[in-house]
Amino acid sequence: METIRRRPSQLSYASLLVLAWLCIIPAQALYFYIDPSSSTPKCFYEELPKDTLVVGHYTALQAVPNSPNEFAQNPDLSVTVTVEEVFDNDHRVVNTKGSHTGKFTFSAADAGDHRICFSASGAGSGGWLSGGQQGGLIKLTLDVAIGETSAIESADKGKIGELAQKVKDLNGRLLDIRREQVFQRVLNPQSSSAYMKLAR
């Protein structure tokens, strides 16, 4: 009886493509906890090359009272995101306040360290989770993509094309209204002169 030896399975072409795609766009996902009673934001530093686009998606969940390992969404929760250029005397690039889930985007104007900070508010007493107690810890999940230009540019090109078409349509309507006004003035010169007297 003849035995056939098989080689160890090799990666298929599709899985190699997926692996290559994952290596092209560096993404960093992490989570950390914010104490809503503290006024100190949680920050981290990222060294970025010049003209690098950074896109971050975040989700904030609040700890359920009496269940320290459970977290739930709180629509009253708001997250403030600030991005400062450390190398440029803490020049603020982004300062935005959003809901418990959101997105922030910025482009590094110059190479250097950037401080990205998060703080939460609206999680205090009286919230729907707390039942009148002080709000619990906030678990903030952050997914940051650095250098994600192609996906954003393609989405922006579609939006820009739609906006350009709307502007063309509005200009066409404006031109039609102007033609109609000229036509009305030529057709009825008496009402046009009466209007001019009233307008003075």
N, C-alpha and C. Protein backbone atom coordinates (compact mmCIF):
# COMPACT_ATOMS: atom_id res chain seq x y z
N MET A 1 0.84 -1.17 0.00
CA MET A 1 0.00 0.00 0.00
C MET A 1 0.89 1.23 0.00
N GLU A 2 0.56 2.12 -0.84
CA GLU A 2 1.36 3.31 -1.02
C GLU A 2 0.80 4.44 -0.18
N THR A 3 1.63 5.11 0.57
CA THR A 3 1.17 6.25 1.37
C THR A 3 1.55 7.54 0.68
N ILE A 4 0.64 8.48 0.77
CA ILE A 4 0.86 9.78 0.15
C ILE A 4 1.15 10.78 1.27
N ARG A 5 2.24 11.44 1.14
CA ARG A 5 2.57 12.46 2.12
C ARG A 5 2.08 13.82 1.61
N ARG A 6 1.43 14.53 2.48
CA ARG A 6 0.97 15.87 2.13
C ARG A 6 1.86 16.90 2.78
N ARG A 7 2.08 17.95 2.07
CA ARG A 7 2.85 19.05 2.63
C ARG A 7 1.95 19.82 3.61
N PRO A 8 2.55 20.50 4.55
CA PRO A 8 1.73 21.33 5.44
C PRO A 8 0.95 22.34 4.61
N SER A 9 -0.24 22.61 5.03
CA SER A 9 -1.10 23.51 4.24
C SER A 9 -0.47 24.89 4.16
N GLN A 10 -0.52 25.42 2.99
CA GLN A 10 0.04 26.74 2.75
C GLN A 10 -1.09 27.76 2.75
N LEU A 11 -0.70 29.01 2.98
CA LEU A 11 -1.71 30.08 2.97
C LEU A 11 -2.26 30.24 1.55
N SER A 12 -3.52 30.37 1.45
CA SER A 12 -4.13 30.58 0.14
C SER A 12 -3.87 32.01 -0.33
N TYR A 13 -4.12 32.24 -1.57
CA TYR A 13 -3.90 33.55 -2.17
C TYR A 13 -4.77 34.60 -1.49
N ALA A 14 -6.03 34.26 -1.19
CA ALA A 14 -6.95 35.22 -0.57
C ALA A 14 -6.49 35.60 0.83
N SER A 15 -6.03 34.62 1.59
CA SER A 15 -5.58 34.94 2.95
C SER A 15 -4.31 35.79 2.92
N LEU A 16 -3.46 35.60 1.92
CA LEU A 16 -2.29 36.46 1.77
C LEU A 16 -2.69 37.89 1.46
N LEU A 17 -3.70 38.05 0.61
CA LEU A 17 -4.19 39.40 0.30
C LEU A 17 -4.74 40.08 1.54
N VAL A 18 -5.51 39.34 2.33
CA VAL A 18 -6.07 39.91 3.56
C VAL A 18 -4.96 40.31 4.51
N LEU A 19 -3.97 39.47 4.64
CA LEU A 19 -2.85 39.76 5.52
C LEU A 19 -2.08 40.99 5.04
N ALA A 20 -1.87 41.11 3.75
CA ALA A 20 -1.18 42.27 3.19
C ALA A 20 -2.01 43.53 3.41
N TRP A 21 -3.31 43.45 3.23
CA TRP A 21 -4.18 44.60 3.42
C TRP A 21 -4.14 45.07 4.88
N LEU A 22 -4.12 44.13 5.81
CA LEU A 22 -4.06 44.50 7.22
C LEU A 22 -2.75 45.17 7.58
N CYS A 23 -1.69 44.84 6.87
CA CYS A 23 -0.39 45.44 7.15
C CYS A 23 -0.26 46.83 6.54
N ILE A 24 -1.03 47.12 5.51
CA ILE A 24 -0.93 48.41 4.83
C ILE A 24 -1.46 49.53 5.70
N ILE A 25 -2.63 49.35 6.30
CA ILE A 25 -3.25 50.38 7.12
C ILE A 25 -2.99 50.04 8.58
N PRO A 26 -2.07 50.74 9.22
CA PRO A 26 -1.84 50.44 10.62
C PRO A 26 -3.00 50.94 11.48
N ALA A 27 -3.53 50.09 12.28
CA ALA A 27 -4.63 50.46 13.17
C ALA A 27 -4.26 50.04 14.58
N GLN A 28 -4.70 50.85 15.52
CA GLN A 28 -4.43 50.55 16.92
C GLN A 28 -5.75 50.61 17.66
N ALA A 29 -6.11 49.54 18.31
CA ALA A 29 -7.33 49.51 19.10
C ALA A 29 -6.94 49.26 20.55
N LEU A 30 -7.54 50.03 21.43
CA LEU A 30 -7.27 49.88 22.84
C LEU A 30 -8.48 50.35 23.63
N TYR A 31 -8.48 50.04 24.92
CA TYR A 31 -9.49 50.62 25.78
C TYR A 31 -8.83 51.00 27.09
N PHE A 32 -9.42 52.00 27.74
CA PHE A 32 -8.93 52.44 29.03
C PHE A 32 -10.11 52.99 29.81
N TYR A 33 -9.88 53.26 31.08
CA TYR A 33 -10.95 53.70 31.97
C TYR A 33 -10.75 55.16 32.35
N ILE A 34 -11.86 55.88 32.40
CA ILE A 34 -11.87 57.28 32.79
C ILE A 34 -12.73 57.41 34.03
N ASP A 35 -12.22 58.11 35.04
CA ASP A 35 -12.99 58.40 36.24
C ASP A 35 -13.74 59.70 36.00
N PRO A 36 -15.08 59.67 35.88
CA PRO A 36 -15.82 60.89 35.57
C PRO A 36 -15.77 61.93 36.69
N SER A 37 -15.44 61.51 37.91
CA SER A 37 -15.36 62.47 39.01
C SER A 37 -14.05 63.25 38.97
N SER A 38 -13.07 62.77 38.20
CA SER A 38 -11.79 63.46 38.08
C SER A 38 -11.84 64.44 36.92
N SER A 39 -11.23 65.59 37.10
CA SER A 39 -11.20 66.58 36.02
C SER A 39 -9.99 66.39 35.12
N THR A 40 -9.12 65.44 35.45
CA THR A 40 -7.92 65.18 34.66
C THR A 40 -8.27 64.26 33.48
N PRO A 41 -8.00 64.71 32.26
CA PRO A 41 -8.27 63.84 31.10
C PRO A 41 -7.23 62.73 30.98
N LYS A 42 -7.60 61.66 30.30
CA LYS A 42 -6.67 60.57 30.00
C LYS A 42 -6.03 60.89 28.65
N CYS A 43 -4.70 60.85 28.61
CA CYS A 43 -3.99 61.23 27.40
C CYS A 43 -3.00 60.15 27.00
N PHE A 44 -2.68 60.12 25.73
CA PHE A 44 -1.57 59.32 25.24
C PHE A 44 -0.89 60.09 24.13
N TYR A 45 0.34 59.73 23.84
CA TYR A 45 1.16 60.43 22.87
C TYR A 45 1.38 59.56 21.65
N GLU A 46 1.37 60.21 20.51
CA GLU A 46 1.59 59.51 19.25
C GLU A 46 2.55 60.35 18.42
N GLU A 47 3.66 59.76 18.02
CA GLU A 47 4.58 60.47 17.14
C GLU A 47 4.14 60.23 15.71
N LEU A 48 3.90 61.33 15.00
CA LEU A 48 3.35 61.24 13.65
C LEU A 48 4.26 61.94 12.65
N PRO A 49 4.42 61.38 11.46
CA PRO A 49 5.14 62.08 10.40
C PRO A 49 4.27 63.20 9.82
N LYS A 50 4.89 64.09 9.11
CA LYS A 50 4.19 65.22 8.50
C LYS A 50 3.14 64.74 7.49
N ASP A 51 2.01 65.45 7.43
CA ASP A 51 0.92 65.19 6.49
C ASP A 51 0.32 63.80 6.65
N THR A 52 0.24 63.32 7.87
CA THR A 52 -0.37 62.02 8.14
C THR A 52 -1.80 62.24 8.62
N LEU A 53 -2.71 61.52 8.01
CA LEU A 53 -4.12 61.60 8.40
C LEU A 53 -4.38 60.59 9.51
N VAL A 54 -5.04 61.04 10.57
CA VAL A 54 -5.39 60.18 11.70
C VAL A 54 -6.90 60.20 11.86
N VAL A 55 -7.48 59.01 11.91
CA VAL A 55 -8.92 58.86 12.10
C VAL A 55 -9.13 57.99 13.32
N GLY A 56 -9.90 58.49 14.27
CA GLY A 56 -10.17 57.73 15.49
C GLY A 56 -11.66 57.55 15.71
N HIS A 57 -12.05 56.36 16.09
CA HIS A 57 -13.43 56.05 16.45
C HIS A 57 -13.43 55.65 17.92
N TYR A 58 -14.37 56.19 18.69
CA TYR A 58 -14.41 55.85 20.11
C TYR A 58 -15.83 55.48 20.53
N THR A 59 -15.90 54.68 21.58
CA THR A 59 -17.16 54.29 22.20
C THR A 59 -16.96 54.32 23.71
N ALA A 60 -17.83 55.03 24.40
CA ALA A 60 -17.75 55.13 25.86
C ALA A 60 -18.91 54.39 26.49
N LEU A 61 -18.60 53.53 27.44
CA LEU A 61 -19.60 52.77 28.17
C LEU A 61 -19.42 53.07 29.66
N GLN A 62 -20.52 53.13 30.38
CA GLN A 62 -20.45 53.43 31.80
C GLN A 62 -20.68 52.17 32.61
N ALA A 63 -19.94 52.06 33.71
CA ALA A 63 -20.07 50.90 34.60
C ALA A 63 -21.47 50.88 35.21
N VAL A 64 -22.06 49.71 35.26
CA VAL A 64 -23.38 49.53 35.86
C VAL A 64 -23.18 49.48 37.38
N PRO A 65 -23.96 50.27 38.15
CA PRO A 65 -23.81 50.26 39.60
C PRO A 65 -24.01 48.85 40.16
N ASN A 66 -23.22 48.51 41.16
CA ASN A 66 -23.25 47.21 41.85
C ASN A 66 -22.83 46.05 40.95
N SER A 67 -22.34 46.33 39.75
CA SER A 67 -21.81 45.30 38.85
C SER A 67 -20.54 45.84 38.22
N PRO A 68 -19.42 45.75 38.90
CA PRO A 68 -18.20 46.41 38.42
C PRO A 68 -17.68 45.90 37.10
N ASN A 69 -18.06 44.71 36.69
CA ASN A 69 -17.56 44.16 35.43
C ASN A 69 -18.53 44.34 34.27
N GLU A 70 -19.66 45.00 34.50
CA GLU A 70 -20.63 45.24 33.44
C GLU A 70 -20.64 46.69 33.05
N PHE A 71 -20.72 46.93 31.75
CA PHE A 71 -20.77 48.28 31.22
C PHE A 71 -21.94 48.39 30.25
N ALA A 72 -22.56 49.57 30.23
CA ALA A 72 -23.71 49.79 29.34
C ALA A 72 -23.62 51.19 28.76
N GLN A 73 -24.32 51.40 27.65
CA GLN A 73 -24.35 52.71 27.02
C GLN A 73 -25.17 53.68 27.86
N ASN A 74 -24.71 54.91 27.90
CA ASN A 74 -25.44 55.99 28.56
C ASN A 74 -25.55 57.13 27.56
N PRO A 75 -26.74 57.39 27.04
CA PRO A 75 -26.87 58.44 26.02
C PRO A 75 -26.60 59.84 26.57
N ASP A 76 -26.62 60.01 27.91
CA ASP A 76 -26.31 61.31 28.50
C ASP A 76 -24.81 61.58 28.57
N LEU A 77 -24.03 60.56 28.32
CA LEU A 77 -22.58 60.66 28.42
C LEU A 77 -22.04 61.42 27.21
N SER A 78 -21.11 62.34 27.45
CA SER A 78 -20.45 63.03 26.35
C SER A 78 -18.94 62.92 26.53
N VAL A 79 -18.24 62.86 25.42
CA VAL A 79 -16.78 62.68 25.42
C VAL A 79 -16.15 63.89 24.74
N THR A 80 -15.15 64.46 25.39
CA THR A 80 -14.38 65.56 24.81
C THR A 80 -13.03 65.03 24.34
N VAL A 81 -12.71 65.31 23.08
CA VAL A 81 -11.45 64.87 22.49
C VAL A 81 -10.63 66.11 22.17
N THR A 82 -9.39 66.14 22.65
CA THR A 82 -8.47 67.22 22.30
C THR A 82 -7.18 66.60 21.78
N VAL A 83 -6.64 67.24 20.76
CA VAL A 83 -5.37 66.83 20.18
C VAL A 83 -4.48 68.06 20.14
N GLU A 84 -3.29 67.93 20.74
CA GLU A 84 -2.36 69.05 20.79
C GLU A 84 -1.01 68.61 20.23
N GLU A 85 -0.35 69.55 19.55
CA GLU A 85 0.99 69.31 19.04
C GLU A 85 1.97 69.67 20.15
N VAL A 86 2.59 68.68 20.75
CA VAL A 86 3.50 68.90 21.88
C VAL A 86 4.72 69.70 21.45
N PHE A 87 5.22 69.44 20.25
CA PHE A 87 6.43 70.09 19.75
C PHE A 87 6.21 71.56 19.42
N ASP A 88 4.95 72.00 19.34
CA ASP A 88 4.62 73.37 18.94
C ASP A 88 3.93 74.10 20.09
N ASN A 89 4.52 74.05 21.27
CA ASN A 89 3.98 74.73 22.46
C ASN A 89 2.52 74.35 22.72
N ASP A 90 2.21 73.08 22.60
CA ASP A 90 0.87 72.54 22.86
C ASP A 90 -0.21 73.22 22.01
N HIS A 91 0.11 73.46 20.74
CA HIS A 91 -0.88 74.02 19.81
C HIS A 91 -2.02 73.04 19.65
N ARG A 92 -3.25 73.50 19.90
CA ARG A 92 -4.43 72.63 19.85
C ARG A 92 -4.90 72.46 18.41
N VAL A 93 -4.95 71.22 17.98
CA VAL A 93 -5.37 70.88 16.62
C VAL A 93 -6.84 70.51 16.59
N VAL A 94 -7.29 69.76 17.59
CA VAL A 94 -8.68 69.30 17.66
C VAL A 94 -9.20 69.58 19.07
N ASN A 95 -10.42 70.09 19.14
CA ASN A 95 -11.11 70.24 20.41
C ASN A 95 -12.59 70.03 20.10
N THR A 96 -13.06 68.82 20.32
CA THR A 96 -14.43 68.50 19.96
C THR A 96 -15.13 67.77 21.09
N LYS A 97 -16.41 68.01 21.21
CA LYS A 97 -17.22 67.33 22.22
C LYS A 97 -18.32 66.58 21.48
N GLY A 98 -18.40 65.27 21.75
CA GLY A 98 -19.37 64.45 21.05
C GLY A 98 -20.14 63.57 22.01
N SER A 99 -20.97 62.73 21.45
CA SER A 99 -21.79 61.83 22.25
C SER A 99 -20.95 60.65 22.72
N HIS A 100 -21.60 59.63 23.26
CA HIS A 100 -20.87 58.48 23.81
C HIS A 100 -20.18 57.65 22.73
N THR A 101 -20.56 57.81 21.48
CA THR A 101 -19.84 57.20 20.37
C THR A 101 -19.54 58.29 19.36
N GLY A 102 -18.38 58.23 18.75
CA GLY A 102 -18.06 59.27 17.79
C GLY A 102 -16.78 59.00 17.05
N LYS A 103 -16.38 60.03 16.30
CA LYS A 103 -15.23 59.93 15.42
C LYS A 103 -14.50 61.27 15.45
N PHE A 104 -13.20 61.23 15.37
CA PHE A 104 -12.42 62.45 15.22
C PHE A 104 -11.38 62.22 14.13
N THR A 105 -11.04 63.30 13.44
CA THR A 105 -10.10 63.22 12.33
C THR A 105 -9.20 64.44 12.37
N PHE A 106 -7.94 64.24 12.13
CA PHE A 106 -7.03 65.37 11.98
C PHE A 106 -5.86 64.95 11.12
N SER A 107 -5.16 65.95 10.61
CA SER A 107 -3.98 65.72 9.79
C SER A 107 -2.80 66.39 10.48
N ALA A 108 -1.71 65.67 10.61
CA ALA A 108 -0.52 66.22 11.26
C ALA A 108 0.14 67.21 10.31
N ALA A 109 0.14 68.48 10.71
CA ALA A 109 0.72 69.51 9.86
C ALA A 109 2.24 69.39 9.81
N ASP A 110 2.83 69.02 10.94
CA ASP A 110 4.28 68.83 11.02
C ASP A 110 4.58 67.53 11.74
N ALA A 111 5.78 67.03 11.56
CA ALA A 111 6.19 65.79 12.23
C ALA A 111 6.46 66.08 13.70
N GLY A 112 6.10 65.14 14.56
CA GLY A 112 6.38 65.28 15.99
C GLY A 112 5.34 64.59 16.85
N ASP A 113 5.51 64.76 18.17
CA ASP A 113 4.59 64.15 19.13
C ASP A 113 3.27 64.91 19.19
N HIS A 114 2.19 64.16 19.21
CA HIS A 114 0.85 64.71 19.36
C HIS A 114 0.22 64.08 20.60
N ARG A 115 -0.36 64.91 21.45
CA ARG A 115 -1.03 64.43 22.66
C ARG A 115 -2.53 64.35 22.35
N ILE A 116 -3.09 63.15 22.49
CA ILE A 116 -4.52 62.92 22.25
C ILE A 116 -5.16 62.63 23.60
N CYS A 117 -6.10 63.49 24.01
CA CYS A 117 -6.70 63.39 25.35
C CYS A 117 -8.21 63.19 25.26
N PHE A 118 -8.73 62.46 26.24
CA PHE A 118 -10.16 62.17 26.33
C PHE A 118 -10.64 62.47 27.74
N SER A 119 -11.80 63.08 27.85
CA SER A 119 -12.45 63.25 29.14
C SER A 119 -13.95 63.03 28.93
N ALA A 120 -14.60 62.57 29.98
CA ALA A 120 -16.03 62.26 29.91
C ALA A 120 -16.81 63.16 30.86
N SER A 121 -18.01 63.50 30.47
CA SER A 121 -18.89 64.29 31.33
C SER A 121 -20.32 63.81 31.12
N GLY A 122 -21.18 64.21 32.02
CA GLY A 122 -22.59 63.81 31.93
C GLY A 122 -22.84 62.44 32.50
N ALA A 123 -21.88 61.90 33.23
CA ALA A 123 -22.03 60.56 33.80
C ALA A 123 -22.25 60.63 35.30
N GLY A 124 -22.55 61.80 35.82
CA GLY A 124 -22.68 61.99 37.26
C GLY A 124 -23.98 61.47 37.81
N SER A 125 -24.34 61.96 38.96
CA SER A 125 -25.53 61.47 39.65
C SER A 125 -26.79 61.84 38.88
N GLY A 126 -27.79 61.04 39.04
CA GLY A 126 -29.07 61.29 38.41
C GLY A 126 -29.20 60.71 37.03
N GLY A 127 -28.14 60.08 36.52
CA GLY A 127 -28.22 59.47 35.21
C GLY A 127 -29.11 58.24 35.23
N TRP A 128 -29.47 57.77 34.08
CA TRP A 128 -30.41 56.64 34.03
C TRP A 128 -29.77 55.35 34.53
N LEU A 129 -28.44 55.26 34.50
CA LEU A 129 -27.79 54.06 35.00
C LEU A 129 -27.59 54.08 36.51
N SER A 130 -27.42 55.27 37.06
CA SER A 130 -26.98 55.35 38.44
C SER A 130 -28.10 55.21 39.44
N GLY A 131 -29.32 55.48 39.06
CA GLY A 131 -30.43 55.41 40.01
C GLY A 131 -30.25 56.40 41.15
N GLY A 132 -29.65 57.57 40.84
CA GLY A 132 -29.45 58.59 41.85
C GLY A 132 -28.10 58.50 42.53
N GLN A 133 -27.30 57.48 42.23
CA GLN A 133 -25.98 57.34 42.82
C GLN A 133 -24.96 58.02 41.91
N GLN A 134 -23.76 58.20 42.44
CA GLN A 134 -22.68 58.76 41.64
C GLN A 134 -22.35 57.81 40.50
N GLY A 135 -22.08 58.36 39.30
CA GLY A 135 -21.79 57.54 38.14
C GLY A 135 -20.50 56.75 38.30
N GLY A 136 -20.41 55.61 37.61
CA GLY A 136 -19.25 54.74 37.73
C GLY A 136 -18.20 55.06 36.70
N LEU A 137 -17.19 54.21 36.67
CA LEU A 137 -16.11 54.37 35.71
C LEU A 137 -16.63 54.32 34.28
N ILE A 138 -15.89 54.99 33.41
CA ILE A 138 -16.21 54.99 31.99
C ILE A 138 -15.16 54.14 31.28
N LYS A 139 -15.61 53.18 30.51
CA LYS A 139 -14.71 52.38 29.69
C LYS A 139 -14.75 52.96 28.28
N LEU A 140 -13.62 53.50 27.84
CA LEU A 140 -13.56 54.13 26.52
C LEU A 140 -12.75 53.22 25.60
N THR A 141 -13.40 52.73 24.57
CA THR A 141 -12.74 51.90 23.57
C THR A 141 -12.37 52.80 22.41
N LEU A 142 -11.12 52.71 21.99
CA LEU A 142 -10.59 53.61 20.97
C LEU A 142 -9.96 52.80 19.86
N ASP A 143 -10.32 53.13 18.63
CA ASP A 143 -9.75 52.50 17.45
C ASP A 143 -9.16 53.61 16.59
N VAL A 144 -7.86 53.64 16.45
CA VAL A 144 -7.18 54.71 15.72
C VAL A 144 -6.55 54.13 14.47
N ALA A 145 -6.82 54.75 13.33
CA ALA A 145 -6.19 54.37 12.07
C ALA A 145 -5.29 55.52 11.64
N ILE A 146 -4.04 55.22 11.43
CA ILE A 146 -3.07 56.24 11.05
C ILE A 146 -2.71 56.05 9.59
N GLY A 147 -2.90 57.10 8.80
CA GLY A 147 -2.58 57.03 7.38
C GLY A 147 -3.69 56.45 6.55
N GLU A 148 -4.93 56.60 6.96
CA GLU A 148 -6.08 56.04 6.26
C GLU A 148 -6.60 57.03 5.23
N THR A 149 -5.77 57.43 4.29
CA THR A 149 -6.17 58.49 3.36
C THR A 149 -7.05 57.98 2.24
N SER A 150 -6.79 56.82 1.70
CA SER A 150 -7.51 56.38 0.50
C SER A 150 -8.99 56.16 0.77
N ALA A 151 -9.33 55.55 1.90
CA ALA A 151 -10.75 55.30 2.19
C ALA A 151 -11.49 56.61 2.41
N ILE A 152 -10.87 57.55 3.11
CA ILE A 152 -11.53 58.83 3.37
C ILE A 152 -11.65 59.64 2.09
N GLU A 153 -10.57 59.65 1.28
CA GLU A 153 -10.62 60.41 0.05
C GLU A 153 -11.69 59.89 -0.89
N SER A 154 -11.87 58.58 -0.97
CA SER A 154 -12.90 58.03 -1.86
C SER A 154 -14.28 58.39 -1.34
N ALA A 155 -14.49 58.36 -0.03
CA ALA A 155 -15.78 58.74 0.53
C ALA A 155 -16.02 60.23 0.32
N ASP A 156 -14.96 61.04 0.50
CA ASP A 156 -15.10 62.48 0.32
C ASP A 156 -15.35 62.83 -1.14
N LYS A 157 -14.74 62.10 -2.07
CA LYS A 157 -14.95 62.39 -3.49
C LYS A 157 -16.41 62.19 -3.86
N GLY A 158 -17.04 61.16 -3.30
CA GLY A 158 -18.46 60.94 -3.57
C GLY A 158 -19.30 62.07 -3.02
N LYS A 159 -19.00 62.52 -1.81
CA LYS A 159 -19.74 63.63 -1.20
C LYS A 159 -19.51 64.92 -1.98
N ILE A 160 -18.27 65.15 -2.38
CA ILE A 160 -17.96 66.36 -3.13
C ILE A 160 -18.69 66.35 -4.47
N GLY A 161 -18.74 65.20 -5.11
CA GLY A 161 -19.47 65.10 -6.38
C GLY A 161 -20.96 65.40 -6.21
N GLU A 162 -21.55 64.89 -5.13
CA GLU A 162 -22.96 65.16 -4.85
C GLU A 162 -23.19 66.65 -4.60
N LEU A 163 -22.31 67.25 -3.80
CA LEU A 163 -22.44 68.68 -3.51
C LEU A 163 -22.26 69.52 -4.77
N ALA A 164 -21.31 69.15 -5.62
CA ALA A 164 -21.10 69.89 -6.87
C ALA A 164 -22.33 69.81 -7.76
N GLN A 165 -22.96 68.63 -7.81
CA GLN A 165 -24.18 68.49 -8.62
C GLN A 165 -25.31 69.34 -8.06
N LYS A 166 -25.44 69.40 -6.72
CA LYS A 166 -26.47 70.23 -6.11
C LYS A 166 -26.25 71.71 -6.40
N VAL A 167 -24.97 72.15 -6.37
CA VAL A 167 -24.66 73.54 -6.69
C VAL A 167 -25.01 73.84 -8.14
N LYS A 168 -24.71 72.91 -9.06
CA LYS A 168 -25.07 73.12 -10.46
C LYS A 168 -26.58 73.22 -10.62
N ASP A 169 -27.32 72.35 -9.92
CA ASP A 169 -28.79 72.40 -10.00
C ASP A 169 -29.32 73.72 -9.47
N LEU A 170 -28.78 74.19 -8.34
CA LEU A 170 -29.23 75.46 -7.78
C LEU A 170 -28.89 76.63 -8.69
N ASN A 171 -27.71 76.60 -9.30
CA ASN A 171 -27.35 77.67 -10.26
C ASN A 171 -28.28 77.66 -11.46
N GLY A 172 -28.66 76.48 -11.92
CA GLY A 172 -29.62 76.38 -13.02
C GLY A 172 -30.97 76.96 -12.64
N ARG A 173 -31.44 76.66 -11.45
CA ARG A 173 -32.72 77.21 -10.99
C ARG A 173 -32.65 78.73 -10.86
N LEU A 174 -31.51 79.22 -10.33
CA LEU A 174 -31.33 80.67 -10.20
C LEU A 174 -31.34 81.35 -11.56
N LEU A 175 -30.71 80.75 -12.54
CA LEU A 175 -30.71 81.28 -13.90
C LEU A 175 -32.12 81.30 -14.48
N ASP A 176 -32.89 80.23 -14.23
CA ASP A 176 -34.28 80.20 -14.70
C ASP A 176 -35.12 81.30 -14.05
N ILE A 177 -34.90 81.55 -12.76
CA ILE A 177 -35.66 82.60 -12.07
C ILE A 177 -35.29 83.97 -12.64
N ARG A 178 -34.01 84.20 -12.91
CA ARG A 178 -33.59 85.49 -13.49
C ARG A 178 -34.20 85.68 -14.87
N ARG A 179 -34.22 84.64 -15.69
CA ARG A 179 -34.85 84.74 -17.03
C ARG A 179 -36.33 85.05 -16.91
N GLU A 180 -36.99 84.42 -15.96
CA GLU A 180 -38.42 84.66 -15.75
C GLU A 180 -38.66 86.10 -15.31
N GLN A 181 -37.78 86.64 -14.46
CA GLN A 181 -37.94 88.03 -14.03
C GLN A 181 -37.76 88.99 -15.20
N VAL A 182 -36.75 88.74 -16.05
CA VAL A 182 -36.53 89.59 -17.22
C VAL A 182 -37.73 89.50 -18.16
N PHE A 183 -38.24 88.29 -18.34
CA PHE A 183 -39.40 88.09 -19.21
C PHE A 183 -40.61 88.86 -18.67
N GLN A 184 -40.82 88.83 -17.36
CA GLN A 184 -41.95 89.55 -16.76
C GLN A 184 -41.80 91.05 -16.92
N ARG A 185 -40.58 91.56 -16.82
CA ARG A 185 -40.36 92.99 -16.98
C ARG A 185 -40.59 93.43 -18.41
N VAL A 186 -40.17 92.62 -19.38
CA VAL A 186 -40.37 92.95 -20.79
C VAL A 186 -41.84 92.84 -21.15
N LEU A 187 -42.51 91.83 -20.64
CA LEU A 187 -43.92 91.59 -20.97
C LEU A 187 -44.82 92.66 -20.37
N ASN A 188 -44.52 93.12 -19.20
CA ASN A 188 -45.38 94.08 -18.53
C ASN A 188 -44.54 95.23 -18.00
N PRO A 189 -44.18 96.20 -18.89
CA PRO A 189 -43.30 97.29 -18.46
C PRO A 189 -43.97 98.23 -17.46
N GLN A 190 -45.30 98.33 -17.48
CA GLN A 190 -45.98 99.23 -16.55
C GLN A 190 -45.83 98.74 -15.11
N SER A 191 -45.99 97.44 -14.88
CA SER A 191 -45.86 96.93 -13.51
C SER A 191 -44.40 97.03 -13.06
N SER A 192 -43.47 96.92 -13.99
CA SER A 192 -42.07 97.04 -13.65
C SER A 192 -41.75 98.46 -13.22
N SER A 193 -42.29 99.45 -13.92
CA SER A 193 -42.03 100.84 -13.54
C SER A 193 -42.73 101.18 -12.23
N ALA A 194 -43.91 100.63 -11.98
CA ALA A 194 -44.60 100.85 -10.71
C ALA A 194 -43.81 100.23 -9.56
N TYR A 195 -43.26 99.10 -9.80
CA TYR A 195 -42.44 98.45 -8.78
C TYR A 195 -41.20 99.29 -8.46
N MET A 196 -40.59 99.83 -9.52
CA MET A 196 -39.39 100.64 -9.32
C MET A 196 -39.73 101.89 -8.49
N LYS A 197 -40.91 102.48 -8.71
CA LYS A 197 -41.32 103.67 -7.94
C LYS A 197 -41.51 103.28 -6.48
N LEU A 198 -42.08 102.12 -6.23
CA LEU A 198 -42.29 101.67 -4.85
C LEU A 198 -40.98 101.34 -4.16
N ALA A 199 -40.04 100.83 -4.92
CA ALA A 199 -38.76 100.43 -4.33
C ALA A 199 -37.91 101.61 -3.92
N ARG A 200 -38.16 102.78 -4.52
CA ARG A 200 -37.37 103.98 -4.18
C ARG A 200 -37.81 104.50 -2.88
